[in-house]
């Protein structure tokens, strides 16, 4: 009976995948906010 006392370190590939997902999410939110501001400016102007 072996009990794992320490957690497995994530692989570089997993870390890279998470970093790319975070960058993609950030880009989508930024573009969405920019479009929302442009639309709001167009409606109000």
N, C-alpha and C. Protein backbone atom coordinates (compact mmCIF):
# COMPACT_ATOMS: atom_id res chain seq x y z
N UNK A 1 0.84 -1.19 0.00
CA UNK A 1 0.00 0.00 0.00
C UNK A 1 0.88 1.24 0.00
N UNK A 2 0.96 1.94 -1.12
CA UNK A 2 1.76 3.15 -1.18
C UNK A 2 0.82 4.35 -1.22
N UNK A 3 1.12 5.32 -0.42
CA UNK A 3 0.32 6.53 -0.37
C UNK A 3 1.14 7.66 -0.96
N UNK A 4 0.58 8.35 -1.94
CA UNK A 4 1.29 9.46 -2.56
C UNK A 4 1.18 10.68 -1.65
N UNK A 5 2.30 11.15 -1.12
CA UNK A 5 2.26 12.25 -0.17
C UNK A 5 2.43 13.60 -0.84
N UNK A 6 3.02 13.64 -2.03
CA UNK A 6 3.19 14.93 -2.69
C UNK A 6 2.47 14.90 -4.03
N UNK A 7 1.94 16.05 -4.41
CA UNK A 7 1.17 16.14 -5.65
C UNK A 7 2.12 16.12 -6.85
N UNK A 8 1.61 15.60 -7.95
CA UNK A 8 2.40 15.55 -9.18
C UNK A 8 2.53 16.96 -9.76
N UNK A 9 3.74 17.29 -10.18
CA UNK A 9 3.96 18.60 -10.81
C UNK A 9 3.37 18.58 -12.21
N UNK A 10 2.70 19.68 -12.62
CA UNK A 10 2.13 19.71 -13.97
C UNK A 10 3.24 19.72 -15.03
N UNK A 11 2.97 19.10 -16.15
CA UNK A 11 3.93 19.05 -17.23
C UNK A 11 3.97 20.40 -17.93
N UNK A 12 5.07 20.66 -18.62
CA UNK A 12 5.23 21.92 -19.34
C UNK A 12 4.12 22.09 -20.37
N UNK A 13 3.75 20.99 -21.03
CA UNK A 13 2.69 21.05 -22.04
C UNK A 13 1.37 21.49 -21.42
N UNK A 14 1.06 21.00 -20.21
CA UNK A 14 -0.17 21.39 -19.53
C UNK A 14 -0.13 22.87 -19.14
N UNK A 15 1.03 23.32 -18.66
CA UNK A 15 1.16 24.73 -18.30
C UNK A 15 1.03 25.62 -19.53
N UNK A 16 1.62 25.20 -20.65
CA UNK A 16 1.53 25.98 -21.88
C UNK A 16 0.09 26.05 -22.36
N UNK A 17 -0.63 24.93 -22.27
CA UNK A 17 -2.04 24.90 -22.69
C UNK A 17 -2.87 25.87 -21.84
N UNK A 18 -2.62 25.88 -20.54
CA UNK A 18 -3.35 26.80 -19.66
C UNK A 18 -3.01 28.25 -19.98
N UNK A 19 -1.73 28.52 -20.27
CA UNK A 19 -1.32 29.89 -20.60
C UNK A 19 -1.97 30.35 -21.89
N UNK A 20 -2.01 29.48 -22.90
CA UNK A 20 -2.65 29.84 -24.18
C UNK A 20 -4.14 30.06 -23.98
N UNK A 21 -4.78 29.23 -23.17
CA UNK A 21 -6.21 29.40 -22.91
C UNK A 21 -6.47 30.74 -22.21
N UNK A 22 -5.62 31.10 -21.28
CA UNK A 22 -5.78 32.37 -20.58
C UNK A 22 -5.58 33.55 -21.52
N UNK A 23 -4.57 33.46 -22.40
CA UNK A 23 -4.33 34.53 -23.36
C UNK A 23 -5.50 34.66 -24.34
N UNK A 24 -6.05 33.53 -24.78
CA UNK A 24 -7.18 33.56 -25.70
C UNK A 24 -8.40 34.17 -25.03
N UNK A 25 -8.66 33.77 -23.79
CA UNK A 25 -9.78 34.35 -23.04
C UNK A 25 -9.62 35.85 -22.89
N UNK A 26 -8.41 36.29 -22.55
CA UNK A 26 -8.14 37.71 -22.37
C UNK A 26 -8.34 38.48 -23.67
N UNK A 27 -7.88 37.90 -24.78
CA UNK A 27 -8.04 38.56 -26.08
C UNK A 27 -9.51 38.67 -26.46
N UNK A 28 -10.28 37.62 -26.22
CA UNK A 28 -11.71 37.64 -26.55
C UNK A 28 -12.43 38.69 -25.71
N UNK A 29 -12.11 38.76 -24.43
CA UNK A 29 -12.76 39.76 -23.56
C UNK A 29 -12.36 41.17 -24.00
N UNK A 30 -11.10 41.38 -24.34
CA UNK A 30 -10.64 42.70 -24.77
C UNK A 30 -11.32 43.14 -26.06
N UNK A 31 -11.39 42.25 -27.03
CA UNK A 31 -12.04 42.59 -28.30
C UNK A 31 -13.53 42.83 -28.08
N UNK A 32 -14.14 42.01 -27.25
CA UNK A 32 -15.56 42.20 -26.95
C UNK A 32 -15.84 43.55 -26.29
N UNK A 33 -15.00 43.92 -25.36
CA UNK A 33 -15.18 45.22 -24.69
C UNK A 33 -14.94 46.37 -25.67
N UNK A 34 -13.93 46.24 -26.53
CA UNK A 34 -13.67 47.29 -27.51
C UNK A 34 -14.85 47.44 -28.47
N UNK A 35 -15.40 46.32 -28.92
CA UNK A 35 -16.58 46.38 -29.80
C UNK A 35 -17.77 47.00 -29.08
N UNK A 36 -17.96 46.64 -27.82
CA UNK A 36 -19.08 47.20 -27.06
C UNK A 36 -18.92 48.71 -26.91
N UNK A 37 -17.71 49.17 -26.67
CA UNK A 37 -17.48 50.62 -26.56
C UNK A 37 -17.71 51.32 -27.89
N UNK A 38 -17.25 50.70 -28.98
CA UNK A 38 -17.47 51.31 -30.30
C UNK A 38 -18.95 51.37 -30.64
N UNK A 39 -19.69 50.32 -30.31
CA UNK A 39 -21.13 50.31 -30.58
C UNK A 39 -21.82 51.36 -29.70
N UNK A 40 -21.44 51.45 -28.43
CA UNK A 40 -22.04 52.43 -27.53
C UNK A 40 -21.72 53.85 -28.01
N UNK A 41 -20.51 54.06 -28.49
CA UNK A 41 -20.15 55.38 -29.01
C UNK A 41 -20.95 55.69 -30.27
N UNK A 42 -21.13 54.70 -31.14
CA UNK A 42 -21.88 54.90 -32.36
C UNK A 42 -23.34 55.19 -32.09
N UNK A 43 -23.93 54.52 -31.10
CA UNK A 43 -25.33 54.75 -30.77
C UNK A 43 -25.51 56.14 -30.14
N UNK A 44 -24.57 56.50 -29.27
CA UNK A 44 -24.69 57.77 -28.56
C UNK A 44 -24.28 58.98 -29.37
N UNK A 45 -23.58 58.76 -30.45
CA UNK A 45 -23.05 59.90 -31.22
C UNK A 45 -23.95 60.31 -32.29
